[in-house]
Amino acid sequence: MSTMTVRMNEQDAELVRKFAQFEGVTVSDFARTAILEKIEDSYDLQELREAIAQDSGERFSIDEILSELAS
């Protein structure tokens, strides 16, 4: 397992410590989760942009979808 160091001013560090404590997790767990969620959000945004760029505009009603699934 790797170790990473994050530098921040004392005010920000205290906020992170308090928030992690409030959430009932360690600062390390909080930071790991926040970093990975940020990466996932960025990936999801890129996927959305690609889907929008490829959108043909064709739409289906819920009834059409349910009918297709039932057959």
PDB file of N, CA and C in Angstrom:
ATOM      1  N   MET A   1       0.851  -1.177   0.000  1.00  0.00           N
ATOM      2  CA  MET A   1       0.000   0.000   0.000  1.00  0.00           C
ATOM      3  C   MET A   1       0.897   1.241   0.000  1.00  0.00           C
ATOM      4  N   SER A   2       0.529   2.234  -0.755  1.00  0.00           N
ATOM      5  CA  SER A   2       1.300   3.470  -0.867  1.00  0.00           C
ATOM      6  C   SER A   2       0.819   4.497   0.154  1.00  0.00           C
ATOM      7  N   THR A   3       1.700   5.409   0.453  1.00  0.00           N
ATOM      8  CA  THR A   3       1.365   6.529   1.318  1.00  0.00           C
ATOM      9  C   THR A   3       1.488   7.805   0.499  1.00  0.00           C
ATOM     10  N   MET A   4       0.508   8.696   0.660  1.00  0.00           N
ATOM     11  CA  MET A   4       0.533   9.980  -0.030  1.00  0.00           C
ATOM     12  C   MET A   4       0.433  11.081   1.021  1.00  0.00           C
ATOM     13  N   THR A   5       1.005  12.210   0.730  1.00  0.00           N
ATOM     14  CA  THR A   5       0.939  13.358   1.622  1.00  0.00           C
ATOM     15  C   THR A   5       0.166  14.469   0.939  1.00  0.00           C
ATOM     16  N   VAL A   6      -0.740  15.074   1.687  1.00  0.00           N
ATOM     17  CA  VAL A   6      -1.517  16.202   1.171  1.00  0.00           C
ATOM     18  C   VAL A   6      -1.181  17.409   2.031  1.00  0.00           C
ATOM     19  N   ARG A   7      -0.786  18.475   1.403  1.00  0.00           N
ATOM     20  CA  ARG A   7      -0.455  19.687   2.143  1.00  0.00           C
ATOM     21  C   ARG A   7      -1.631  20.656   2.059  1.00  0.00           C
ATOM     22  N   MET A   8      -2.002  21.201   3.218  1.00  0.00           N
ATOM     23  CA  MET A   8      -3.064  22.201   3.270  1.00  0.00           C
ATOM     24  C   MET A   8      -2.845  23.060   4.499  1.00  0.00           C
ATOM     25  N   ASN A   9      -3.477  24.224   4.492  1.00  0.00           N
ATOM     26  CA  ASN A   9      -3.308  25.095   5.647  1.00  0.00           C
ATOM     27  C   ASN A   9      -4.035  24.491   6.852  1.00  0.00           C
ATOM     28  N   GLU A  10      -3.713  24.970   8.022  1.00  0.00           N
ATOM     29  CA  GLU A  10      -4.236  24.398   9.262  1.00  0.00           C
ATOM     30  C   GLU A  10      -5.757  24.498   9.347  1.00  0.00           C
ATOM     31  N   GLN A  11      -6.318  25.569   8.840  1.00  0.00           N
ATOM     32  CA  GLN A  11      -7.767  25.745   8.881  1.00  0.00           C
ATOM     33  C   GLN A  11      -8.466  24.668   8.045  1.00  0.00           C
ATOM     34  N   ASP A  12      -7.956  24.415   6.857  1.00  0.00           N
ATOM     35  CA  ASP A  12      -8.532  23.373   6.013  1.00  0.00           C
ATOM     36  C   ASP A  12      -8.327  21.993   6.630  1.00  0.00           C
ATOM     37  N   ALA A  13      -7.146  21.764   7.189  1.00  0.00           N
ATOM     38  CA  ALA A  13      -6.849  20.477   7.817  1.00  0.00           C
ATOM     39  C   ALA A  13      -7.796  20.209   8.982  1.00  0.00           C
ATOM     40  N   GLU A  14      -8.074  21.215   9.764  1.00  0.00           N
ATOM     41  CA  GLU A  14      -8.986  21.063  10.898  1.00  0.00           C
ATOM     42  C   GLU A  14     -10.397  20.753  10.405  1.00  0.00           C
ATOM     43  N   LEU A  15     -10.809  21.406   9.335  1.00  0.00           N
ATOM     44  CA  LEU A  15     -12.124  21.133   8.751  1.00  0.00           C
ATOM     45  C   LEU A  15     -12.215  19.675   8.296  1.00  0.00           C
ATOM     46  N   VAL A  16     -11.169  19.180   7.635  1.00  0.00           N
ATOM     47  CA  VAL A  16     -11.139  17.796   7.181  1.00  0.00           C
ATOM     48  C   VAL A  16     -11.196  16.850   8.378  1.00  0.00           C
ATOM     49  N   ARG A  17     -10.410  17.115   9.410  1.00  0.00           N
ATOM     50  CA  ARG A  17     -10.417  16.261  10.604  1.00  0.00           C
ATOM     51  C   ARG A  17     -11.793  16.219  11.250  1.00  0.00           C
ATOM     52  N   LYS A  18     -12.426  17.380  11.384  1.00  0.00           N
ATOM     53  CA  LYS A  18     -13.749  17.438  12.009  1.00  0.00           C
ATOM     54  C   LYS A  18     -14.798  16.726  11.165  1.00  0.00           C
ATOM     55  N   PHE A  19     -14.737  16.914   9.859  1.00  0.00           N
ATOM     56  CA  PHE A  19     -15.713  16.266   8.995  1.00  0.00           C
ATOM     57  C   PHE A  19     -15.549  14.754   9.028  1.00  0.00           C
ATOM     58  N   ALA A  20     -14.322  14.282   8.958  1.00  0.00           N
ATOM     59  CA  ALA A  20     -14.070  12.836   9.023  1.00  0.00           C
ATOM     60  C   ALA A  20     -14.573  12.274  10.348  1.00  0.00           C
ATOM     61  N   GLN A  21     -14.318  12.977  11.429  1.00  0.00           N
ATOM     62  CA  GLN A  21     -14.791  12.531  12.741  1.00  0.00           C
ATOM     63  C   GLN A  21     -16.316  12.491  12.770  1.00  0.00           C
ATOM     64  N   PHE A  22     -16.953  13.513  12.223  1.00  0.00           N
ATOM     65  CA  PHE A  22     -18.408  13.567  12.155  1.00  0.00           C
ATOM     66  C   PHE A  22     -18.964  12.372  11.379  1.00  0.00           C
ATOM     67  N   GLU A  23     -18.285  12.006  10.292  1.00  0.00           N
ATOM     68  CA  GLU A  23     -18.709  10.881   9.459  1.00  0.00           C
ATOM     69  C   GLU A  23     -18.336   9.532  10.073  1.00  0.00           C
ATOM     70  N   GLY A  24     -17.509   9.558  11.117  1.00  0.00           N
ATOM     71  CA  GLY A  24     -17.110   8.319  11.784  1.00  0.00           C
ATOM     72  C   GLY A  24     -16.070   7.521  11.030  1.00  0.00           C
ATOM     73  N   VAL A  25     -15.222   8.222  10.275  1.00  0.00           N
ATOM     74  CA  VAL A  25     -14.162   7.558   9.506  1.00  0.00           C
ATOM     75  C   VAL A  25     -12.835   8.232   9.822  1.00  0.00           C
ATOM     76  N   THR A  26     -11.771   7.556   9.450  1.00  0.00           N
ATOM     77  CA  THR A  26     -10.458   8.175   9.607  1.00  0.00           C
ATOM     78  C   THR A  26     -10.257   9.220   8.508  1.00  0.00           C
ATOM     79  N   VAL A  27      -9.320  10.109   8.739  1.00  0.00           N
ATOM     80  CA  VAL A  27      -8.987  11.103   7.715  1.00  0.00           C
ATOM     81  C   VAL A  27      -8.515  10.391   6.456  1.00  0.00           C
ATOM     82  N   SER A  28      -7.754   9.330   6.622  1.00  0.00           N
ATOM     83  CA  SER A  28      -7.257   8.572   5.476  1.00  0.00           C
ATOM     84  C   SER A  28      -8.414   7.971   4.678  1.00  0.00           C
ATOM     85  N   ASP A  29      -9.363   7.354   5.358  1.00  0.00           N
ATOM     86  CA  ASP A  29     -10.523   6.783   4.661  1.00  0.00           C
ATOM     87  C   ASP A  29     -11.342   7.860   3.978  1.00  0.00           C
ATOM     88  N   PHE A  30     -11.532   8.973   4.662  1.00  0.00           N
ATOM     89  CA  PHE A  30     -12.288  10.085   4.071  1.00  0.00           C
ATOM     90  C   PHE A  30     -11.598  10.602   2.810  1.00  0.00           C
ATOM     91  N   ALA A  31     -10.284  10.827   2.887  1.00  0.00           N
ATOM     92  CA  ALA A  31      -9.530  11.346   1.740  1.00  0.00           C
ATOM     93  C   ALA A  31      -9.559  10.360   0.588  1.00  0.00           C
ATOM     94  N   ARG A  32      -9.351   9.078   0.875  1.00  0.00           N
ATOM     95  CA  ARG A  32      -9.357   8.059  -0.172  1.00  0.00           C
ATOM     96  C   ARG A  32     -10.703   8.049  -0.894  1.00  0.00           C
ATOM     97  N   THR A  33     -11.775   8.033  -0.121  1.00  0.00           N
ATOM     98  CA  THR A  33     -13.113   8.009  -0.707  1.00  0.00           C
ATOM     99  C   THR A  33     -13.379   9.263  -1.540  1.00  0.00           C
ATOM    100  N   ALA A  34     -13.019  10.419  -1.009  1.00  0.00           N
ATOM    101  CA  ALA A  34     -13.254  11.679  -1.726  1.00  0.00           C
ATOM    102  C   ALA A  34     -12.468  11.726  -3.030  1.00  0.00           C
ATOM    103  N   ILE A  35     -11.242  11.283  -3.006  1.00  0.00           N
ATOM    104  CA  ILE A  35     -10.409  11.295  -4.214  1.00  0.00           C
ATOM    105  C   ILE A  35     -10.978  10.351  -5.267  1.00  0.00           C
ATOM    106  N   LEU A  36     -11.330   9.141  -4.857  1.00  0.00           N
ATOM    107  CA  LEU A  36     -11.857   8.171  -5.816  1.00  0.00           C
ATOM    108  C   LEU A  36     -13.223   8.602  -6.358  1.00  0.00           C
ATOM    109  N   GLU A  37     -14.055   9.218  -5.519  1.00  0.00           N
ATOM    110  CA  GLU A  37     -15.343   9.734  -5.998  1.00  0.00           C
ATOM    111  C   GLU A  37     -15.143  10.850  -7.018  1.00  0.00           C
ATOM    112  N   LYS A  38     -14.151  11.698  -6.805  1.00  0.00           N
ATOM    113  CA  LYS A  38     -13.853  12.772  -7.750  1.00  0.00           C
ATOM    114  C   LYS A  38     -13.438  12.196  -9.102  1.00  0.00           C
ATOM    115  N   ILE A  39     -12.607  11.171  -9.078  1.00  0.00           N
ATOM    116  CA  ILE A  39     -12.182  10.518 -10.324  1.00  0.00           C
ATOM    117  C   ILE A  39     -13.381   9.890 -11.019  1.00  0.00           C
ATOM    118  N   GLU A  40     -14.229   9.203 -10.254  1.00  0.00           N
ATOM    119  CA  GLU A  40     -15.413   8.579 -10.832  1.00  0.00           C
ATOM    120  C   GLU A  40     -16.358   9.619 -11.428  1.00  0.00           C
ATOM    121  N   ASP A  41     -16.553  10.734 -10.720  1.00  0.00           N
ATOM    122  CA  ASP A  41     -17.410  11.806 -11.238  1.00  0.00           C
ATOM    123  C   ASP A  41     -16.877  12.339 -12.559  1.00  0.00           C
ATOM    124  N   SER A  42     -15.575  12.517 -12.648  1.00  0.00           N
ATOM    125  CA  SER A  42     -14.961  13.012 -13.870  1.00  0.00           C
ATOM    126  C   SER A  42     -15.170  12.022 -15.013  1.00  0.00           C
ATOM    127  N   TYR A  43     -14.999  10.747 -14.730  1.00  0.00           N
ATOM    128  CA  TYR A  43     -15.212   9.705 -15.735  1.00  0.00           C
ATOM    129  C   TYR A  43     -16.672   9.706 -16.179  1.00  0.00           C
ATOM    130  N   ASP A  44     -17.603   9.784 -15.211  1.00  0.00           N
ATOM    131  CA  ASP A  44     -19.029   9.801 -15.538  1.00  0.00           C
ATOM    132  C   ASP A  44     -19.387  11.003 -16.399  1.00  0.00           C
ATOM    133  N   LEU A  45     -18.806  12.151 -16.111  1.00  0.00           N
ATOM    134  CA  LEU A  45     -19.069  13.349 -16.898  1.00  0.00           C
ATOM    135  C   LEU A  45     -18.595  13.167 -18.337  1.00  0.00           C
ATOM    136  N   GLN A  46     -17.439  12.574 -18.507  1.00  0.00           N
ATOM    137  CA  GLN A  46     -16.916  12.318 -19.851  1.00  0.00           C
ATOM    138  C   GLN A  46     -17.836  11.352 -20.603  1.00  0.00           C
ATOM    139  N   GLU A  47     -18.306  10.311 -19.913  1.00  0.00           N
ATOM    140  CA  GLU A  47     -19.235   9.356 -20.524  1.00  0.00           C
ATOM    141  C   GLU A  47     -20.525  10.055 -20.939  1.00  0.00           C
ATOM    142  N   LEU A  48     -21.029  10.961 -20.097  1.00  0.00           N
ATOM    143  CA  LEU A  48     -22.250  11.703 -20.425  1.00  0.00           C
ATOM    144  C   LEU A  48     -22.034  12.575 -21.649  1.00  0.00           C
ATOM    145  N   ARG A  49     -20.915  13.263 -21.703  1.00  0.00           N
ATOM    146  CA  ARG A  49     -20.629  14.118 -22.864  1.00  0.00           C
ATOM    147  C   ARG A  49     -20.579  13.305 -24.150  1.00  0.00           C
ATOM    148  N   GLU A  50     -19.969  12.130 -24.080  1.00  0.00           N
ATOM    149  CA  GLU A  50     -19.897  11.268 -25.259  1.00  0.00           C
ATOM    150  C   GLU A  50     -21.287  10.773 -25.654  1.00  0.00           C
ATOM    151  N   ALA A  51     -22.113  10.422 -24.687  1.00  0.00           N
ATOM    152  CA  ALA A  51     -23.471   9.949 -24.972  1.00  0.00           C
ATOM    153  C   ALA A  51     -24.306  11.056 -25.604  1.00  0.00           C
ATOM    154  N   ILE A  52     -24.165  12.270 -25.099  1.00  0.00           N
ATOM    155  CA  ILE A  52     -24.901  13.405 -25.663  1.00  0.00           C
ATOM    156  C   ILE A  52     -24.456  13.663 -27.101  1.00  0.00           C
ATOM    157  N   ALA A  53     -23.156  13.557 -27.345  1.00  0.00           N
ATOM    158  CA  ALA A  53     -22.633  13.790 -28.693  1.00  0.00           C
ATOM    159  C   ALA A  53     -23.139  12.742 -29.678  1.00  0.00           C
ATOM    160  N   GLN A  54     -23.416  11.544 -29.211  1.00  0.00           N
ATOM    161  CA  GLN A  54     -23.871  10.458 -30.078  1.00  0.00           C
ATOM    162  C   GLN A  54     -25.389  10.309 -30.086  1.00  0.00           C
ATOM    163  N   ASP A  55     -26.108  11.140 -29.351  1.00  0.00           N
ATOM    164  CA  ASP A  55     -27.562  11.038 -29.233  1.00  0.00           C
ATOM    165  C   ASP A  55     -28.239  11.325 -30.567  1.00  0.00           C
ATOM    166  N   SER A  56     -29.066  10.394 -31.012  1.00  0.00           N
ATOM    167  CA  SER A  56     -29.781  10.562 -32.277  1.00  0.00           C
ATOM    168  C   SER A  56     -31.092  11.322 -32.093  1.00  0.00           C
ATOM    169  N   GLY A  57     -31.515  11.517 -30.858  1.00  0.00           N
ATOM    170  CA  GLY A  57     -32.769  12.202 -30.598  1.00  0.00           C
ATOM    171  C   GLY A  57     -33.962  11.265 -30.526  1.00  0.00           C
ATOM    172  N   GLU A  58     -33.753   9.996 -30.847  1.00  0.00           N
ATOM    173  CA  GLU A  58     -34.847   9.024 -30.812  1.00  0.00           C
ATOM    174  C   GLU A  58     -35.218   8.737 -29.355  1.00  0.00           C
ATOM    175  N   ARG A  59     -36.520   8.758 -29.075  1.00  0.00           N
ATOM    176  CA  ARG A  59     -37.010   8.524 -27.721  1.00  0.00           C
ATOM    177  C   ARG A  59     -38.111   7.471 -27.763  1.00  0.00           C
ATOM    178  N   PHE A  60     -38.292   6.778 -26.641  1.00  0.00           N
ATOM    179  CA  PHE A  60     -39.314   5.754 -26.513  1.00  0.00           C
ATOM    180  C   PHE A  60     -40.121   6.014 -25.259  1.00  0.00           C
ATOM    181  N   SER A  61     -41.426   5.741 -25.336  1.00  0.00           N
ATOM    182  CA  SER A  61     -42.272   5.888 -24.151  1.00  0.00           C
ATOM    183  C   SER A  61     -42.076   4.679 -23.247  1.00  0.00           C
ATOM    184  N   ILE A  62     -42.473   4.810 -22.000  1.00  0.00           N
ATOM    185  CA  ILE A  62     -42.369   3.688 -21.073  1.00  0.00           C
ATOM    186  C   ILE A  62     -43.217   2.515 -21.548  1.00  0.00           C
ATOM    187  N   ASP A  63     -44.357   2.810 -22.146  1.00  0.00           N
ATOM    188  CA  ASP A  63     -45.214   1.740 -22.662  1.00  0.00           C
ATOM    189  C   ASP A  63     -44.525   0.970 -23.789  1.00  0.00           C
ATOM    190  N   GLU A  64     -43.814   1.672 -24.658  1.00  0.00           N
ATOM    191  CA  GLU A  64     -43.081   1.009 -25.734  1.00  0.00           C
ATOM    192  C   GLU A  64     -41.975   0.109 -25.174  1.00  0.00           C
ATOM    193  N   ILE A  65     -41.297   0.590 -24.169  1.00  0.00           N
ATOM    194  CA  ILE A  65     -40.218  -0.193 -23.552  1.00  0.00           C
ATOM    195  C   ILE A  65     -40.775  -1.425 -22.873  1.00  0.00           C
ATOM    196  N   LEU A  66     -41.851  -1.265 -22.105  1.00  0.00           N
ATOM    197  CA  LEU A  66     -42.443  -2.400 -21.402  1.00  0.00           C
ATOM    198  C   LEU A  66     -42.991  -3.423 -22.385  1.00  0.00           C
ATOM    199  N   SER A  67     -43.584  -2.950 -23.471  1.00  0.00           N
ATOM    200  CA  SER A  67     -44.091  -3.838 -24.491  1.00  0.00           C
ATOM    201  C   SER A  67     -42.962  -4.640 -25.132  1.00  0.00           C
ATOM    202  N   GLU A  68     -41.856  -3.984 -25.404  1.00  0.00           N
ATOM    203  CA  GLU A  68     -40.696  -4.657 -25.996  1.00  0.00           C
ATOM    204  C   GLU A  68     -40.118  -5.694 -25.038  1.00  0.00           C
ATOM    205  N   LEU A  69     -40.070  -5.374 -23.757  1.00  0.00           N
ATOM    206  CA  LEU A  69     -39.536  -6.300 -22.763  1.00  0.00           C
ATOM    207  C   LEU A  69     -40.446  -7.511 -22.579  1.00  0.00           C
ATOM    208  N   ALA A  70     -41.752  -7.320 -22.731  1.00  0.00           N
ATOM    209  CA  ALA A  70     -42.713  -8.410 -22.524  1.00  0.00           C
ATOM    210  C   ALA A  70     -42.710  -9.387 -23.693  1.00  0.00           C
ATOM    211  N   SER A  71     -42.252  -8.951 -24.838  1.00  0.00           N
ATOM    212  CA  SER A  71     -42.301  -9.849 -26.006  1.00  0.00           C
ATOM    213  C   SER A  71     -41.093 -10.709 -26.143  1.00  0.00           C
TER     214      SER A  71
END
